[in-house]
Amino acid sequence: QVRLVEAVGGLVQAGGSLRLSCAASGTIFSSDAMGWYRQAPGNQRELVAVTTSGGSTNYADSVKGRFTISRDNAKNTLYLQMNSLKPEDTAVYYCNLKRSPLRGGLTYWGQGTQVTVSS
């Protein structure tokens, strides 16, 4: 079993920065992919950024160049550094872990944390 707990997000002015963190507990494998998703009111949950077991990263076009995802395997912690924030980044941000198919292929979610960017 895996538990993902996001630290509290926050309120920031447009142009500001915020760092999200997600602590993973339970059995974590280096082959697990981890990422951040977000969901704004009235919208579907969307991928923000993901980091795979090989260390590669992928970002949504809307956040490229502004957000950076990183992972500390020793601490089982996932981060999302968000710079140059815009009001449209306002959403609930969710931490995600996807187990490789060879290990069952399960997906786990955190409880979500609110990020609000004021204009």
C-alpha atoms as a PDB file:
ATOM      1  CA  GLN A   1       0.000   0.000   0.000  1.00  0.00           C
ATOM      2  CA  VAL A   2       1.151   3.539  -0.779  1.00  0.00           C
ATOM      3  CA  ARG A   3       0.147   6.764   0.915  1.00  0.00           C
ATOM      4  CA  LEU A   4       0.779  10.146  -0.641  1.00  0.00           C
ATOM      5  CA  VAL A   5       0.495  13.295   1.456  1.00  0.00           C
ATOM      6  CA  GLU A   6       0.834  16.731  -0.071  1.00  0.00           C
ATOM      7  CA  ALA A   7       1.975  19.615   2.082  1.00  0.00           C
ATOM      8  CA  VAL A   8      -0.324  22.607   2.250  1.00  0.00           C
ATOM      9  CA  GLY A   9      -0.292  24.722  -0.919  1.00  0.00           C
ATOM     10  CA  GLY A  10      -1.056  28.362  -0.503  1.00  0.00           C
ATOM     11  CA  LEU A  11      -2.059  31.731  -1.823  1.00  0.00           C
ATOM     12  CA  VAL A  12       0.397  33.684  -3.928  1.00  0.00           C
ATOM     13  CA  GLN A  13       0.263  36.735  -6.143  1.00  0.00           C
ATOM     14  CA  ALA A  14       0.665  36.448  -9.869  1.00  0.00           C
ATOM     15  CA  GLY A  15       4.326  36.314 -10.811  1.00  0.00           C
ATOM     16  CA  GLY A  16       5.239  34.699  -7.523  1.00  0.00           C
ATOM     17  CA  SER A  17       6.628  31.284  -6.702  1.00  0.00           C
ATOM     18  CA  LEU A  18       5.534  28.325  -4.673  1.00  0.00           C
ATOM     19  CA  ARG A  19       6.972  24.875  -4.037  1.00  0.00           C
ATOM     20  CA  LEU A  20       4.739  21.887  -3.503  1.00  0.00           C
ATOM     21  CA  SER A  21       5.916  18.725  -1.841  1.00  0.00           C
ATOM     22  CA  CYS A  22       4.463  15.247  -1.585  1.00  0.00           C
ATOM     23  CA  ALA A  23       5.682  12.658   0.906  1.00  0.00           C
ATOM     24  CA  ALA A  24       5.237   9.054  -0.127  1.00  0.00           C
ATOM     25  CA  SER A  25       5.121   6.224   2.380  1.00  0.00           C
ATOM     26  CA  GLY A  26       4.738   2.491   2.054  1.00  0.00           C
ATOM     27  CA  THR A  27       6.499   0.401  -0.525  1.00  0.00           C
ATOM     28  CA  ILE A  28       8.005   2.690  -3.133  1.00  0.00           C
ATOM     29  CA  PHE A  29      10.001   1.374  -6.061  1.00  0.00           C
ATOM     30  CA  SER A  30      12.487   3.327  -8.123  1.00  0.00           C
ATOM     31  CA  SER A  31      10.542   2.135 -11.156  1.00  0.00           C
ATOM     32  CA  ASP A  32       7.419   3.997 -10.009  1.00  0.00           C
ATOM     33  CA  ALA A  33       6.552   7.067 -12.026  1.00  0.00           C
ATOM     34  CA  MET A  34       5.446  10.074 -10.004  1.00  0.00           C
ATOM     35  CA  GLY A  35       3.753  13.232 -11.078  1.00  0.00           C
ATOM     36  CA  TRP A  36       1.534  16.192 -10.356  1.00  0.00           C
ATOM     37  CA  TYR A  37      -1.951  16.742 -11.685  1.00  0.00           C
ATOM     38  CA  ARG A  38      -4.332  19.620 -11.112  1.00  0.00           C
ATOM     39  CA  GLN A  39      -8.026  20.264 -11.285  1.00  0.00           C
ATOM     40  CA  ALA A  40      -9.645  23.666 -11.490  1.00  0.00           C
ATOM     41  CA  PRO A  41     -13.359  24.162 -10.767  1.00  0.00           C
ATOM     42  CA  GLY A  42     -15.442  22.945 -13.670  1.00  0.00           C
ATOM     43  CA  ASN A  43     -12.457  21.368 -15.391  1.00  0.00           C
ATOM     44  CA  GLN A  44     -11.166  17.848 -15.687  1.00  0.00           C
ATOM     45  CA  ARG A  45      -8.052  16.774 -13.852  1.00  0.00           C
ATOM     46  CA  GLU A  46      -5.028  17.380 -16.043  1.00  0.00           C
ATOM     47  CA  LEU A  47      -1.407  16.376 -16.046  1.00  0.00           C
ATOM     48  CA  VAL A  48       1.003  19.073 -14.920  1.00  0.00           C
ATOM     49  CA  ALA A  49       4.312  17.219 -14.809  1.00  0.00           C
ATOM     50  CA  VAL A  50       5.635  13.702 -14.447  1.00  0.00           C
ATOM     51  CA  THR A  51       8.990  12.134 -13.725  1.00  0.00           C
ATOM     52  CA  THR A  52       9.712   8.553 -14.677  1.00  0.00           C
ATOM     53  CA  SER A  53      11.997   5.943 -13.188  1.00  0.00           C
ATOM     54  CA  GLY A  54      14.709   6.810 -15.685  1.00  0.00           C
ATOM     55  CA  GLY A  55      14.705  10.406 -14.555  1.00  0.00           C
ATOM     56  CA  SER A  56      13.014  11.818 -17.625  1.00  0.00           C
ATOM     57  CA  THR A  57      10.402  14.518 -17.172  1.00  0.00           C
ATOM     58  CA  ASN A  58       7.393  15.696 -19.109  1.00  0.00           C
ATOM     59  CA  TYR A  59       5.404  18.862 -18.668  1.00  0.00           C
ATOM     60  CA  ALA A  60       2.125  20.233 -19.845  1.00  0.00           C
ATOM     61  CA  ASP A  61       2.692  22.911 -22.456  1.00  0.00           C
ATOM     62  CA  SER A  62       1.031  25.463 -20.197  1.00  0.00           C
ATOM     63  CA  VAL A  63       3.710  25.107 -17.518  1.00  0.00           C
ATOM     64  CA  LYS A  64       6.862  24.444 -19.551  1.00  0.00           C
ATOM     65  CA  GLY A  65       9.616  26.811 -18.583  1.00  0.00           C
ATOM     66  CA  ARG A  66       7.848  27.838 -15.383  1.00  0.00           C
ATOM     67  CA  PHE A  67       7.453  24.620 -13.365  1.00  0.00           C
ATOM     68  CA  THR A  68      10.099  22.074 -12.411  1.00  0.00           C
ATOM     69  CA  ILE A  69       9.378  18.612 -11.072  1.00  0.00           C
ATOM     70  CA  SER A  70      11.949  16.795  -8.984  1.00  0.00           C
ATOM     71  CA  ARG A  71      12.147  13.701  -6.839  1.00  0.00           C
ATOM     72  CA  ASP A  72      14.256  12.821  -3.822  1.00  0.00           C
ATOM     73  CA  ASN A  73      14.295   9.030  -3.769  1.00  0.00           C
ATOM     74  CA  ALA A  74      16.134   8.908  -0.449  1.00  0.00           C
ATOM     75  CA  LYS A  75      13.290  10.836   1.190  1.00  0.00           C
ATOM     76  CA  ASN A  76      10.512   9.415  -0.992  1.00  0.00           C
ATOM     77  CA  THR A  77       9.439  12.963  -1.665  1.00  0.00           C
ATOM     78  CA  LEU A  78       8.209  14.590  -4.838  1.00  0.00           C
ATOM     79  CA  TYR A  79       8.454  18.323  -5.441  1.00  0.00           C
ATOM     80  CA  LEU A  80       6.992  20.833  -7.838  1.00  0.00           C
ATOM     81  CA  GLN A  81       8.701  24.201  -8.038  1.00  0.00           C
ATOM     82  CA  MET A  82       6.286  26.688  -9.559  1.00  0.00           C
ATOM     83  CA  ASN A  83       7.596  30.034 -10.781  1.00  0.00           C
ATOM     84  CA  SER A  84       5.979  32.921 -12.627  1.00  0.00           C
ATOM     85  CA  LEU A  85       2.607  31.784 -11.409  1.00  0.00           C
ATOM     86  CA  LYS A  86      -0.505  32.915 -13.232  1.00  0.00           C
ATOM     87  CA  PRO A  87      -4.119  33.138 -12.061  1.00  0.00           C
ATOM     88  CA  GLU A  88      -4.939  30.276 -14.428  1.00  0.00           C
ATOM     89  CA  ASP A  89      -2.643  28.043 -12.365  1.00  0.00           C
ATOM     90  CA  THR A  90      -5.215  28.192  -9.582  1.00  0.00           C
ATOM     91  CA  ALA A  91      -6.383  24.647  -8.892  1.00  0.00           C
ATOM     92  CA  VAL A  92      -6.232  21.738  -6.518  1.00  0.00           C
ATOM     93  CA  TYR A  93      -2.928  19.984  -7.126  1.00  0.00           C
ATOM     94  CA  TYR A  94      -2.693  16.223  -6.693  1.00  0.00           C
ATOM     95  CA  CYS A  95       0.343  14.029  -6.245  1.00  0.00           C
ATOM     96  CA  ASN A  96       0.265  10.794  -8.235  1.00  0.00           C
ATOM     97  CA  LEU A  97       2.229   7.553  -8.250  1.00  0.00           C
ATOM     98  CA  LYS A  98       1.948   4.970 -11.017  1.00  0.00           C
ATOM     99  CA  ARG A  99       3.390   1.542 -10.429  1.00  0.00           C
ATOM    100  CA  SER A 100       4.987  -0.137 -13.429  1.00  0.00           C
ATOM    101  CA  PRO A 101       2.927  -2.892 -15.106  1.00  0.00           C
ATOM    102  CA  LEU A 102       5.492  -5.438 -13.972  1.00  0.00           C
ATOM    103  CA  ARG A 103       4.631  -4.539 -10.388  1.00  0.00           C
ATOM    104  CA  GLY A 104       0.886  -4.448 -10.768  1.00  0.00           C
ATOM    105  CA  GLY A 105       0.266  -1.170 -12.538  1.00  0.00           C
ATOM    106  CA  LEU A 106      -1.713   0.425  -9.697  1.00  0.00           C
ATOM    107  CA  THR A 107      -2.218   4.175  -9.411  1.00  0.00           C
ATOM    108  CA  TYR A 108      -2.259   6.114  -6.155  1.00  0.00           C
ATOM    109  CA  TRP A 109      -3.386   9.676  -5.408  1.00  0.00           C
ATOM    110  CA  GLY A 110      -2.792  12.172  -2.672  1.00  0.00           C
ATOM    111  CA  GLN A 111      -5.621  14.110  -1.080  1.00  0.00           C
ATOM    112  CA  GLY A 112      -4.860  17.276  -3.012  1.00  0.00           C
ATOM    113  CA  THR A 113      -3.723  20.727  -1.981  1.00  0.00           C
ATOM    114  CA  GLN A 114      -5.175  24.074  -2.990  1.00  0.00           C
ATOM    115  CA  VAL A 115      -3.048  26.569  -4.879  1.00  0.00           C
ATOM    116  CA  THR A 116      -4.563  29.999  -5.442  1.00  0.00           C
ATOM    117  CA  VAL A 117      -2.897  32.656  -7.565  1.00  0.00           C
ATOM    118  CA  SER A 118      -4.327  36.130  -7.235  1.00  0.00           C
ATOM    119  CA  SER A 119      -4.132  38.689 -10.015  1.00  0.00           C
END
